[in-house]
C-alpha atoms as a PDB file:
ATOM      1  CA  UNK A   1      -1.361-148.888 -99.794  1.00  0.00           C
ATOM      2  CA  UNK A   2      -4.710-147.326-101.494  1.00  0.00           C
ATOM      3  CA  UNK A   3      -5.584-144.698 -99.513  1.00  0.00           C
ATOM      4  CA  UNK A   4      -8.884-145.185-101.279  1.00  0.00           C
ATOM      5  CA  UNK A   5     -10.351-146.666 -97.786  1.00  0.00           C
ATOM      6  CA  UNK A   6     -13.545-148.638 -97.979  1.00  0.00           C
ATOM      7  CA  UNK A   7     -16.167-145.543 -97.043  1.00  0.00           C
ATOM      8  CA  UNK A   8     -17.690-146.692 -93.740  1.00  0.00           C
ATOM      9  CA  UNK A   9     -14.814-147.832 -92.244  1.00  0.00           C
ATOM     10  CA  UNK A  10     -13.670-144.423 -92.482  1.00  0.00           C
ATOM     11  CA  UNK A  11     -16.582-141.754 -92.882  1.00  0.00           C
ATOM     12  CA  UNK A  12     -19.890-142.891 -91.262  1.00  0.00           C
ATOM     13  CA  UNK A  13     -21.875-140.257 -89.872  1.00  0.00           C
ATOM     14  CA  UNK A  14     -25.028-142.605 -89.024  1.00  0.00           C
ATOM     15  CA  UNK A  15     -22.707-144.588 -86.386  1.00  0.00           C
ATOM     16  CA  UNK A  16     -21.184-141.919 -84.011  1.00  0.00           C
ATOM     17  CA  UNK A  17     -17.709-142.195 -84.007  1.00  0.00           C
ATOM     18  CA  UNK A  18     -15.204-142.191 -86.608  1.00  0.00           C
ATOM     19  CA  UNK A  19     -13.475-139.126 -88.587  1.00  0.00           C
ATOM     20  CA  UNK A  20     -15.629-136.203 -88.749  1.00  0.00           C
ATOM     21  CA  UNK A  21     -18.663-137.288 -86.776  1.00  0.00           C
ATOM     22  CA  UNK A  22     -18.198-135.354 -83.727  1.00  0.00           C
ATOM     23  CA  UNK A  23     -19.054-131.552 -84.898  1.00  0.00           C
ATOM     24  CA  UNK A  24     -16.578-130.178 -81.741  1.00  0.00           C
ATOM     25  CA  UNK A  25     -13.190-132.782 -81.398  1.00  0.00           C
ATOM     26  CA  UNK A  26     -11.216-134.721 -83.763  1.00  0.00           C
ATOM     27  CA  UNK A  27     -10.957-138.737 -83.577  1.00  0.00           C
ATOM     28  CA  UNK A  28      -7.856-137.449 -81.790  1.00  0.00           C
ATOM     29  CA  UNK A  29      -9.338-135.069 -78.949  1.00  0.00           C
ATOM     30  CA  UNK A  30      -8.537-132.382 -80.860  1.00  0.00           C
ATOM     31  CA  UNK A  31     -10.920-128.715 -81.023  1.00  0.00           C
ATOM     32  CA  UNK A  32     -12.697-129.381 -84.838  1.00  0.00           C
ATOM     33  CA  UNK A  33     -12.220-126.117 -86.659  1.00  0.00           C
ATOM     34  CA  UNK A  34     -15.092-124.121 -87.108  1.00  0.00           C
ATOM     35  CA  UNK A  35     -16.335-121.336 -89.154  1.00  0.00           C
ATOM     36  CA  UNK A  36     -18.486-118.126 -88.051  1.00  0.00           C
ATOM     37  CA  UNK A  37     -20.435-116.583 -90.210  1.00  0.00           C
ATOM     38  CA  UNK A  38     -19.625-113.248 -91.487  1.00  0.00           C
ATOM     39  CA  UNK A  39     -21.599-111.694 -94.517  1.00  0.00           C
ATOM     40  CA  UNK A  40     -24.181-113.714 -96.413  1.00  0.00           C
ATOM     41  CA  UNK A  41     -22.184-111.984 -99.846  1.00  0.00           C
ATOM     42  CA  UNK A  42     -23.608-115.025-101.697  1.00  0.00           C
ATOM     43  CA  UNK A  43     -26.729-117.021-101.834  1.00  0.00           C
ATOM     44  CA  UNK A  44     -26.395-120.192-104.568  1.00  0.00           C
ATOM     45  CA  UNK A  45     -29.752-122.161-104.679  1.00  0.00           C
ATOM     46  CA  UNK A  46     -30.361-125.494-105.851  1.00  0.00           C
ATOM     47  CA  UNK A  47     -32.514-125.769-108.857  1.00  0.00           C
ATOM     48  CA  UNK A  48     -33.677-128.883-108.498  1.00  0.00           C
ATOM     49  CA  UNK A  49     -31.724-132.380-108.643  1.00  0.00           C
ATOM     50  CA  UNK A  50     -32.921-133.552-112.011  1.00  0.00           C
ATOM     51  CA  UNK A  51     -30.657-133.324-115.155  1.00  0.00           C
ATOM     52  CA  UNK A  52     -30.105-134.656-118.272  1.00  0.00           C
ATOM     53  CA  UNK A  53     -26.160-136.457-117.610  1.00  0.00           C
ATOM     54  CA  UNK A  54     -26.013-139.514-115.314  1.00  0.00           C
ATOM     55  CA  UNK A  55     -21.806-138.278-114.877  1.00  0.00           C
ATOM     56  CA  UNK A  56     -19.381-140.316-112.897  1.00  0.00           C
ATOM     57  CA  UNK A  57     -18.139-138.777-109.908  1.00  0.00           C
ATOM     58  CA  UNK A  58     -21.621-136.520-109.307  1.00  0.00           C
ATOM     59  CA  UNK A  59     -21.932-135.465-105.822  1.00  0.00           C
ATOM     60  CA  UNK A  60     -24.644-134.989-105.733  1.00  0.00           C
ATOM     61  CA  UNK A  61     -25.765-138.012-107.588  1.00  0.00           C
ATOM     62  CA  UNK A  62     -27.323-135.894-110.301  1.00  0.00           C
ATOM     63  CA  UNK A  63     -29.383-138.029-112.770  1.00  0.00           C
ATOM     64  CA  UNK A  64     -32.185-137.729-115.087  1.00  0.00           C
ATOM     65  CA  UNK A  65     -34.672-139.789-112.005  1.00  0.00           C
ATOM     66  CA  UNK A  66     -33.064-138.143-109.251  1.00  0.00           C
ATOM     67  CA  UNK A  67     -35.692-135.568-107.658  1.00  0.00           C
ATOM     68  CA  UNK A  68     -34.376-136.070-103.877  1.00  0.00           C
ATOM     69  CA  UNK A  69     -33.873-132.363-104.655  1.00  0.00           C
ATOM     70  CA  UNK A  70     -37.389-130.608-106.059  1.00  0.00           C
ATOM     71  CA  UNK A  71     -37.207-128.352-108.182  1.00  0.00           C
ATOM     72  CA  UNK A  72     -37.169-124.118-106.446  1.00  0.00           C
ATOM     73  CA  UNK A  73     -40.039-121.815-107.269  1.00  0.00           C
ATOM     74  CA  UNK A  74     -40.389-118.974-108.218  1.00  0.00           C
ATOM     75  CA  UNK A  75     -42.307-117.943-105.267  1.00  0.00           C
ATOM     76  CA  UNK A  76     -39.278-119.791-102.978  1.00  0.00           C
ATOM     77  CA  UNK A  77     -37.562-117.568-105.086  1.00  0.00           C
ATOM     78  CA  UNK A  78     -38.720-114.843-104.041  1.00  0.00           C
ATOM     79  CA  UNK A  79     -39.633-114.884-100.593  1.00  0.00           C
ATOM     80  CA  UNK A  80     -35.805-115.299-100.035  1.00  0.00           C
ATOM     81  CA  UNK A  81     -35.166-112.030-101.996  1.00  0.00           C
ATOM     82  CA  UNK A  82     -37.179-110.816 -99.546  1.00  0.00           C
ATOM     83  CA  UNK A  83     -35.444-111.634 -96.930  1.00  0.00           C
ATOM     84  CA  UNK A  84     -32.593-110.889 -98.133  1.00  0.00           C
ATOM     85  CA  UNK A  85     -34.190-107.560 -97.627  1.00  0.00           C
ATOM     86  CA  UNK A  86     -35.707-107.306 -94.794  1.00  0.00           C
ATOM     87  CA  UNK A  87     -33.280-108.576 -92.306  1.00  0.00           C
ATOM     88  CA  UNK A  88     -31.019-106.681 -94.278  1.00  0.00           C
ATOM     89  CA  UNK A  89     -28.044-109.552 -95.618  1.00  0.00           C
ATOM     90  CA  UNK A  90     -25.001-107.800 -97.694  1.00  0.00           C
ATOM     91  CA  UNK A  91     -25.702-110.083-100.643  1.00  0.00           C
ATOM     92  CA  UNK A  92     -24.852-109.320-104.189  1.00  0.00           C
ATOM     93  CA  UNK A  93     -25.051-112.669-105.912  1.00  0.00           C
ATOM     94  CA  UNK A  94     -27.642-114.950-106.281  1.00  0.00           C
ATOM     95  CA  UNK A  95     -25.811-118.166-107.384  1.00  0.00           C
ATOM     96  CA  UNK A  96     -28.080-121.729-109.503  1.00  0.00           C
ATOM     97  CA  UNK A  97     -26.481-125.033-109.401  1.00  0.00           C
ATOM     98  CA  UNK A  98     -28.313-127.847-110.198  1.00  0.00           C
ATOM     99  CA  UNK A  99     -28.368-130.736-111.472  1.00  0.00           C
ATOM    100  CA  UNK A 100     -29.268-128.683-114.558  1.00  0.00           C
ATOM    101  CA  UNK A 101     -30.157-125.350-113.483  1.00  0.00           C
ATOM    102  CA  UNK A 102     -32.671-125.207-116.669  1.00  0.00           C
ATOM    103  CA  UNK A 103     -34.526-128.615-116.484  1.00  0.00           C
ATOM    104  CA  UNK A 104     -35.884-125.799-114.081  1.00  0.00           C
ATOM    105  CA  UNK A 105     -39.598-124.452-116.250  1.00  0.00           C
ATOM    106  CA  UNK A 106     -39.008-121.447-113.838  1.00  0.00           C
ATOM    107  CA  UNK A 107     -35.998-120.822-114.234  1.00  0.00           C
ATOM    108  CA  UNK A 108     -35.156-117.866-117.209  1.00  0.00           C
ATOM    109  CA  UNK A 109     -38.559-115.762-114.624  1.00  0.00           C
ATOM    110  CA  UNK A 110     -36.429-116.690-111.630  1.00  0.00           C
ATOM    111  CA  UNK A 111     -33.635-115.509-113.389  1.00  0.00           C
ATOM    112  CA  UNK A 112     -34.803-112.256-114.855  1.00  0.00           C
ATOM    113  CA  UNK A 113     -36.494-111.209-111.250  1.00  0.00           C
ATOM    114  CA  UNK A 114     -32.898-111.600-109.745  1.00  0.00           C
ATOM    115  CA  UNK A 115     -31.388-109.340-112.084  1.00  0.00           C
ATOM    116  CA  UNK A 116     -34.466-106.692-112.112  1.00  0.00           C
ATOM    117  CA  UNK A 117     -32.662-106.562-108.147  1.00  0.00           C
ATOM    118  CA  UNK A 118     -29.578-105.442-109.281  1.00  0.00           C
ATOM    119  CA  UNK A 119     -28.501-108.794-108.138  1.00  0.00           C
ATOM    120  CA  UNK A 120     -25.225-110.367-109.881  1.00  0.00           C
ATOM    121  CA  UNK A 121     -26.382-113.295-111.214  1.00  0.00           C
ATOM    122  CA  UNK A 122     -24.518-116.771-111.813  1.00  0.00           C
ATOM    123  CA  UNK A 123     -25.550-120.218-113.630  1.00  0.00           C
ATOM    124  CA  UNK A 124     -23.868-123.303-113.498  1.00  0.00           C
ATOM    125  CA  UNK A 125     -24.758-125.437-116.416  1.00  0.00           C
ATOM    126  CA  UNK A 126     -23.582-128.654-119.168  1.00  0.00           C
ATOM    127  CA  UNK A 127     -24.425-125.562-122.054  1.00  0.00           C
ATOM    128  CA  UNK A 128     -26.342-128.700-123.713  1.00  0.00           C
ATOM    129  CA  UNK A 129     -29.620-128.582-125.063  1.00  0.00           C
ATOM    130  CA  UNK A 130     -31.234-127.972-121.812  1.00  0.00           C
ATOM    131  CA  UNK A 131     -29.287-124.705-121.885  1.00  0.00           C
ATOM    132  CA  UNK A 132     -29.830-123.864-125.887  1.00  0.00           C
ATOM    133  CA  UNK A 133     -33.602-123.744-126.075  1.00  0.00           C
ATOM    134  CA  UNK A 134     -33.496-121.299-124.769  1.00  0.00           C
ATOM    135  CA  UNK A 135     -31.212-118.751-126.303  1.00  0.00           C
ATOM    136  CA  UNK A 136     -33.709-116.226-127.257  1.00  0.00           C
ATOM    137  CA  UNK A 137     -34.778-115.064-123.458  1.00  0.00           C
ATOM    138  CA  UNK A 138     -31.111-115.584-122.647  1.00  0.00           C
ATOM    139  CA  UNK A 139     -29.536-113.218-124.925  1.00  0.00           C
ATOM    140  CA  UNK A 140     -32.370-110.872-124.005  1.00  0.00           C
ATOM    141  CA  UNK A 141     -31.158-111.205-120.726  1.00  0.00           C
ATOM    142  CA  UNK A 142     -28.046-110.452-121.952  1.00  0.00           C
ATOM    143  CA  UNK A 143     -28.858-107.844-123.615  1.00  0.00           C
ATOM    144  CA  UNK A 144     -30.538-106.347-120.174  1.00  0.00           C
ATOM    145  CA  UNK A 145     -28.011-106.892-117.956  1.00  0.00           C
ATOM    146  CA  UNK A 146     -24.802-107.369-119.431  1.00  0.00           C
ATOM    147  CA  UNK A 147     -22.843-106.265-115.974  1.00  0.00           C
ATOM    148  CA  UNK A 148     -24.448-108.694-114.020  1.00  0.00           C
ATOM    149  CA  UNK A 149     -25.857-111.998-115.763  1.00  0.00           C
ATOM    150  CA  UNK A 150     -22.556-115.218-115.670  1.00  0.00           C
ATOM    151  CA  UNK A 151     -22.961-118.486-116.925  1.00  0.00           C
ATOM    152  CA  UNK A 152     -20.180-120.633-116.209  1.00  0.00           C
ATOM    153  CA  UNK A 153     -19.664-124.563-118.103  1.00  0.00           C
ATOM    154  CA  UNK A 154     -18.583-127.535-116.974  1.00  0.00           C
ATOM    155  CA  UNK A 155     -16.110-129.421-118.990  1.00  0.00           C
ATOM    156  CA  UNK A 156     -14.494-131.744-117.133  1.00  0.00           C
ATOM    157  CA  UNK A 157     -11.183-132.168-119.289  1.00  0.00           C
ATOM    158  CA  UNK A 158      -9.247-130.414-122.723  1.00  0.00           C
ATOM    159  CA  UNK A 159     -10.471-133.754-125.168  1.00  0.00           C
ATOM    160  CA  UNK A 160     -13.519-135.347-125.752  1.00  0.00           C
ATOM    161  CA  UNK A 161     -12.497-139.068-124.754  1.00  0.00           C
ATOM    162  CA  UNK A 162     -11.705-137.609-120.412  1.00  0.00           C
ATOM    163  CA  UNK A 163     -14.163-135.219-120.946  1.00  0.00           C
ATOM    164  CA  UNK A 164     -17.310-137.709-122.367  1.00  0.00           C
ATOM    165  CA  UNK A 165     -15.372-140.577-119.600  1.00  0.00           C
ATOM    166  CA  UNK A 166     -16.916-138.494-116.971  1.00  0.00           C
ATOM    167  CA  UNK A 167     -19.455-137.481-118.767  1.00  0.00           C
ATOM    168  CA  UNK A 168     -21.286-139.726-121.532  1.00  0.00           C
ATOM    169  CA  UNK A 169     -20.479-140.346-125.220  1.00  0.00           C
ATOM    170  CA  UNK A 170     -22.895-137.743-126.733  1.00  0.00           C
ATOM    171  CA  UNK A 171     -21.803-135.122-123.378  1.00  0.00           C
ATOM    172  CA  UNK A 172     -18.466-133.536-126.529  1.00  0.00           C
ATOM    173  CA  UNK A 173     -20.232-131.981-129.190  1.00  0.00           C
ATOM    174  CA  UNK A 174     -23.682-129.877-127.898  1.00  0.00           C
ATOM    175  CA  UNK A 175     -20.993-128.549-124.639  1.00  0.00           C
ATOM    176  CA  UNK A 176     -18.472-127.211-127.603  1.00  0.00           C
ATOM    177  CA  UNK A 177     -21.445-126.580-129.335  1.00  0.00           C
ATOM    178  CA  UNK A 178     -22.678-124.045-126.524  1.00  0.00           C
ATOM    179  CA  UNK A 179     -19.817-123.229-125.297  1.00  0.00           C
ATOM    180  CA  UNK A 180     -18.240-121.059-128.613  1.00  0.00           C
ATOM    181  CA  UNK A 181     -22.690-119.446-128.944  1.00  0.00           C
ATOM    182  CA  UNK A 182     -21.915-118.049-125.720  1.00  0.00           C
ATOM    183  CA  UNK A 183     -18.155-116.488-126.904  1.00  0.00           C
ATOM    184  CA  UNK A 184     -20.151-115.830-130.383  1.00  0.00           C
ATOM    185  CA  UNK A 185     -22.371-113.895-128.519  1.00  0.00           C
ATOM    186  CA  UNK A 186     -20.407-112.153-126.064  1.00  0.00           C
ATOM    187  CA  UNK A 187     -21.925-113.945-122.639  1.00  0.00           C
ATOM    188  CA  UNK A 188     -19.871-113.062-120.157  1.00  0.00           C
ATOM    189  CA  UNK A 189     -18.905-117.027-118.998  1.00  0.00           C
ATOM    190  CA  UNK A 190     -16.069-119.010-118.158  1.00  0.00           C
ATOM    191  CA  UNK A 191     -15.621-122.615-117.936  1.00  0.00           C
ATOM    192  CA  UNK A 192     -15.036-125.088-114.608  1.00  0.00           C
ATOM    193  CA  UNK A 193     -12.552-128.113-114.784  1.00  0.00           C
ATOM    194  CA  UNK A 194     -11.363-131.058-112.579  1.00  0.00           C
ATOM    195  CA  UNK A 195      -8.046-131.848-111.504  1.00  0.00           C
ATOM    196  CA  UNK A 196      -9.116-135.664-111.386  1.00  0.00           C
ATOM    197  CA  UNK A 197      -6.784-136.564-113.863  1.00  0.00           C
ATOM    198  CA  UNK A 198      -3.339-136.315-112.602  1.00  0.00           C
ATOM    199  CA  UNK A 199      -1.647-133.431-114.839  1.00  0.00           C
ATOM    200  CA  UNK A 200      -0.224-130.508-113.519  1.00  0.00           C
ATOM    201  CA  UNK A 201      -1.830-127.271-113.186  1.00  0.00           C
ATOM    202  CA  UNK A 202       0.492-126.240-116.565  1.00  0.00           C
ATOM    203  CA  UNK A 203      -0.623-129.086-119.162  1.00  0.00           C
ATOM    204  CA  UNK A 204      -4.691-128.548-118.056  1.00  0.00           C
ATOM    205  CA  UNK A 205      -4.273-125.065-118.815  1.00  0.00           C
ATOM    206  CA  UNK A 206      -2.114-125.412-121.752  1.00  0.00           C
ATOM    207  CA  UNK A 207      -4.465-127.992-123.156  1.00  0.00           C
ATOM    208  CA  UNK A 208      -7.445-125.606-122.418  1.00  0.00           C
ATOM    209  CA  UNK A 209      -5.893-123.215-124.463  1.00  0.00           C
ATOM    210  CA  UNK A 210      -6.158-125.481-127.259  1.00  0.00           C
ATOM    211  CA  UNK A 211      -9.274-125.750-126.857  1.00  0.00           C
ATOM    212  CA  UNK A 212     -10.216-122.797-126.844  1.00  0.00           C
ATOM    213  CA  UNK A 213      -8.025-121.687-129.735  1.00  0.00           C
ATOM    214  CA  UNK A 214      -9.519-124.270-131.808  1.00  0.00           C
ATOM    215  CA  UNK A 215     -12.401-123.385-130.929  1.00  0.00           C
ATOM    216  CA  UNK A 216     -12.901-120.407-130.953  1.00  0.00           C
ATOM    217  CA  UNK A 217     -13.879-119.685-127.591  1.00  0.00           C
ATOM    218  CA  UNK A 218     -13.280-116.586-126.766  1.00  0.00           C
ATOM    219  CA  UNK A 219     -11.052-117.450-123.132  1.00  0.00           C
ATOM    220  CA  UNK A 220      -7.955-117.836-121.902  1.00  0.00           C
ATOM    221  CA  UNK A 221      -6.714-120.522-120.016  1.00  0.00           C
ATOM    222  CA  UNK A 222      -4.385-119.251-117.477  1.00  0.00           C
ATOM    223  CA  UNK A 223      -6.779-117.283-116.034  1.00  0.00           C
ATOM    224  CA  UNK A 224      -8.133-118.306-112.659  1.00  0.00           C
ATOM    225  CA  UNK A 225     -10.961-116.174-112.888  1.00  0.00           C
ATOM    226  CA  UNK A 226     -12.101-117.568-117.218  1.00  0.00           C
ATOM    227  CA  UNK A 227     -10.650-121.425-116.578  1.00  0.00           C
ATOM    228  CA  UNK A 228     -11.348-122.947-113.051  1.00  0.00           C
ATOM    229  CA  UNK A 229      -9.983-126.077-112.191  1.00  0.00           C
ATOM    230  CA  UNK A 230     -11.810-127.587-109.092  1.00  0.00           C
ATOM    231  CA  UNK A 231      -9.745-129.816-106.799  1.00  0.00           C
ATOM    232  CA  UNK A 232     -12.059-133.419-106.760  1.00  0.00           C
ATOM    233  CA  UNK A 233     -14.448-134.691-103.613  1.00  0.00           C
ATOM    234  CA  UNK A 234     -14.056-138.300-102.706  1.00  0.00           C
ATOM    235  CA  UNK A 235     -15.653-138.959 -99.686  1.00  0.00           C
ATOM    236  CA  UNK A 236     -13.970-142.298 -99.710  1.00  0.00           C
ATOM    237  CA  UNK A 237     -10.380-140.760 -99.400  1.00  0.00           C
ATOM    238  CA  UNK A 238      -8.548-140.480 -96.503  1.00  0.00           C
ATOM    239  CA  UNK A 239      -7.797-137.487 -95.760  1.00  0.00           C
ATOM    240  CA  UNK A 240      -6.966-135.305 -92.350  1.00  0.00           C
ATOM    241  CA  UNK A 241      -9.310-133.665 -90.435  1.00  0.00           C
ATOM    242  CA  UNK A 242      -9.048-129.438 -89.679  1.00  0.00           C
ATOM    243  CA  UNK A 243      -8.142-128.695 -85.978  1.00  0.00           C
ATOM    244  CA  UNK A 244      -8.763-124.973 -84.833  1.00  0.00           C
ATOM    245  CA  UNK A 245      -5.114-125.553 -84.698  1.00  0.00           C
ATOM    246  CA  UNK A 246      -5.063-126.388 -88.883  1.00  0.00           C
ATOM    247  CA  UNK A 247      -5.209-122.458 -89.201  1.00  0.00           C
ATOM    248  CA  UNK A 248      -1.643-120.976 -88.145  1.00  0.00           C
ATOM    249  CA  UNK A 249       0.106-124.761 -89.290  1.00  0.00           C
ATOM    250  CA  UNK A 250      -2.160-124.109 -93.432  1.00  0.00           C
ATOM    251  CA  UNK A 251      -1.207-120.390 -92.817  1.00  0.00           C
ATOM    252  CA  UNK A 252      -5.727-120.252 -93.368  1.00  0.00           C
ATOM    253  CA  UNK A 253      -7.998-117.577 -92.575  1.00  0.00           C
ATOM    254  CA  UNK A 254     -12.274-119.055 -91.721  1.00  0.00           C
ATOM    255  CA  UNK A 255     -13.291-116.067 -92.910  1.00  0.00           C
ATOM    256  CA  UNK A 256     -11.886-117.398 -97.055  1.00  0.00           C
ATOM    257  CA  UNK A 257     -14.197-120.293 -96.589  1.00  0.00           C
ATOM    258  CA  UNK A 258     -17.376-120.745 -98.580  1.00  0.00           C
ATOM    259  CA  UNK A 259     -19.290-121.031 -95.104  1.00  0.00           C
ATOM    260  CA  UNK A 260     -18.186-117.613 -94.336  1.00  0.00           C
ATOM    261  CA  UNK A 261     -19.360-116.432 -96.229  1.00  0.00           C
ATOM    262  CA  UNK A 262     -22.190-118.576 -98.367  1.00  0.00           C
ATOM    263  CA  UNK A 263     -25.352-120.333 -97.598  1.00  0.00           C
ATOM    264  CA  UNK A 264     -27.804-122.319-100.995  1.00  0.00           C
ATOM    265  CA  UNK A 265     -30.146-122.938-100.694  1.00  0.00           C
ATOM    266  CA  UNK A 266     -32.558-126.731-101.836  1.00  0.00           C
ATOM    267  CA  UNK A 267     -36.270-128.091-101.691  1.00  0.00           C
ATOM    268  CA  UNK A 268     -36.374-131.917 -99.993  1.00  0.00           C
ATOM    269  CA  UNK A 269     -38.471-134.131-102.144  1.00  0.00           C
ATOM    270  CA  UNK A 270     -41.926-134.334-100.235  1.00  0.00           C
ATOM    271  CA  UNK A 271     -41.119-131.510 -97.527  1.00  0.00           C
ATOM    272  CA  UNK A 272     -43.491-127.489 -97.992  1.00  0.00           C
ATOM    273  CA  UNK A 273     -40.813-125.758 -96.456  1.00  0.00           C
ATOM    274  CA  UNK A 274     -36.693-125.244 -98.283  1.00  0.00           C
ATOM    275  CA  UNK A 275     -33.702-125.698 -96.677  1.00  0.00           C
ATOM    276  CA  UNK A 276     -30.824-123.738 -95.876  1.00  0.00           C
ATOM    277  CA  UNK A 277     -27.529-125.806 -96.146  1.00  0.00           C
ATOM    278  CA  UNK A 278     -24.170-124.508 -94.535  1.00  0.00           C
ATOM    279  CA  UNK A 279     -22.449-125.343 -98.389  1.00  0.00           C
ATOM    280  CA  UNK A 280     -23.180-126.466-101.373  1.00  0.00           C
ATOM    281  CA  UNK A 281     -21.273-129.634-101.990  1.00  0.00           C
ATOM    282  CA  UNK A 282     -23.477-130.833 -99.396  1.00  0.00           C
ATOM    283  CA  UNK A 283     -27.000-130.854-100.317  1.00  0.00           C
ATOM    284  CA  UNK A 284     -28.717-133.605 -98.559  1.00  0.00           C
ATOM    285  CA  UNK A 285     -26.215-134.053 -95.207  1.00  0.00           C
ATOM    286  CA  UNK A 286     -28.773-132.924 -92.398  1.00  0.00           C
ATOM    287  CA  UNK A 287     -26.194-132.328 -90.617  1.00  0.00           C
ATOM    288  CA  UNK A 288     -25.516-129.569 -92.294  1.00  0.00           C
ATOM    289  CA  UNK A 289     -29.111-128.146 -92.377  1.00  0.00           C
ATOM    290  CA  UNK A 290     -29.592-124.780 -90.801  1.00  0.00           C
ATOM    291  CA  UNK A 291     -33.166-123.990 -91.453  1.00  0.00           C
ATOM    292  CA  UNK A 292     -35.429-122.773 -93.110  1.00  0.00           C
ATOM    293  CA  UNK A 293     -35.017-118.742 -93.148  1.00  0.00           C
ATOM    294  CA  UNK A 294     -31.297-117.683 -93.810  1.00  0.00           C
ATOM    295  CA  UNK A 295     -31.641-115.996 -89.959  1.00  0.00           C
ATOM    296  CA  UNK A 296     -31.703-119.077 -88.434  1.00  0.00           C
ATOM    297  CA  UNK A 297     -29.114-120.548 -91.271  1.00  0.00           C
ATOM    298  CA  UNK A 298     -26.743-117.513 -89.496  1.00  0.00           C
ATOM    299  CA  UNK A 299     -24.538-119.647 -86.901  1.00  0.00           C
ATOM    300  CA  UNK A 300     -21.372-121.064 -86.683  1.00  0.00           C
ATOM    301  CA  UNK A 301     -20.296-124.186 -89.082  1.00  0.00           C
ATOM    302  CA  UNK A 302     -18.619-127.019 -87.925  1.00  0.00           C
ATOM    303  CA  UNK A 303     -15.658-129.136 -90.818  1.00  0.00           C
ATOM    304  CA  UNK A 304     -16.406-132.118 -89.708  1.00  0.00           C
ATOM    305  CA  UNK A 305     -16.723-133.764 -93.679  1.00  0.00           C
ATOM    306  CA  UNK A 306     -14.808-134.440 -95.649  1.00  0.00           C
ATOM    307  CA  UNK A 307     -15.172-132.429 -98.090  1.00  0.00           C
ATOM    308  CA  UNK A 308     -14.473-129.363 -95.695  1.00  0.00           C
ATOM    309  CA  UNK A 309     -10.643-130.697 -95.670  1.00  0.00           C
ATOM    310  CA  UNK A 310     -10.559-131.958 -99.391  1.00  0.00           C
ATOM    311  CA  UNK A 311     -12.248-129.403-101.575  1.00  0.00           C
ATOM    312  CA  UNK A 312     -12.504-126.094 -99.062  1.00  0.00           C
ATOM    313  CA  UNK A 313      -9.810-126.146 -96.889  1.00  0.00           C
ATOM    314  CA  UNK A 314      -6.692-128.594 -98.244  1.00  0.00           C
ATOM    315  CA  UNK A 315      -7.864-127.840-101.595  1.00  0.00           C
ATOM    316  CA  UNK A 316      -8.762-124.117-101.684  1.00  0.00           C
ATOM    317  CA  UNK A 317     -11.294-124.248-103.666  1.00  0.00           C
ATOM    318  CA  UNK A 318     -14.338-122.649-104.173  1.00  0.00           C
ATOM    319  CA  UNK A 319     -17.964-122.292-105.479  1.00  0.00           C
ATOM    320  CA  UNK A 320     -18.214-118.388-105.867  1.00  0.00           C
ATOM    321  CA  UNK A 321     -15.539-116.336-108.360  1.00  0.00           C
END
């Protein structure tokens, strides 16, 4: 039997029943696992859901027309940094995701502001022309803040054929060009791939290793920090719910999950305030909207979404790193 079950039969939070729906109990009536907040180490900021690509399996559904999440502004980010200071959060890193962050015309001033305040900065990008049009500004930031600025480039596979299957026929060459430019100019950067393809970890890393050597990209494909291989996210797969007893059974710790040490800021279209979401993977699910301030958001998170199970607990995935 195919594990891919019709999504509404498996997971439909609006129904109020079924798997992952009750924040306190699983479908079998067991106590659901939750995560208590510890330290806000990384603040993720979604710069907007617009993207120059329409990827086949984008978890955030980013496209050139999806503006469900509005562009965040420099003033809104400044207010967040001020709250980090006033509430004495121990935040060390500000990370930016999209959509494609470089479509937000205020991104460079935002990055500069964060770097000037001594935060480490991580930017997730597809490294295409949207990034390259800011090449001079990025070089300036790198030269002034080289120890604090890092870029993570999405390259879904080490072959053009499979990468293009996900991201489109014209996505490969510009991404490789961007990676070569980052390498040539000695940026701090890494690559994020996907385990969607059914290959072993060793085969994937060997494939990327050959690609990096061929294209003169100075990354070590054997390093989990330089080549990050993310587990797949697909809410239509039947995955087990995580109970409070799973921590000891799986030898996992709640403090190792992202929601113990990070939050993500989004700006919902037509809203006047930002929303603080529990996780980078759940930008739209209002059950994980924890308020409009970081202080409000600092509350426990119930693991009642398939992504909590497949990506974070069972897959061991983390967007930080």
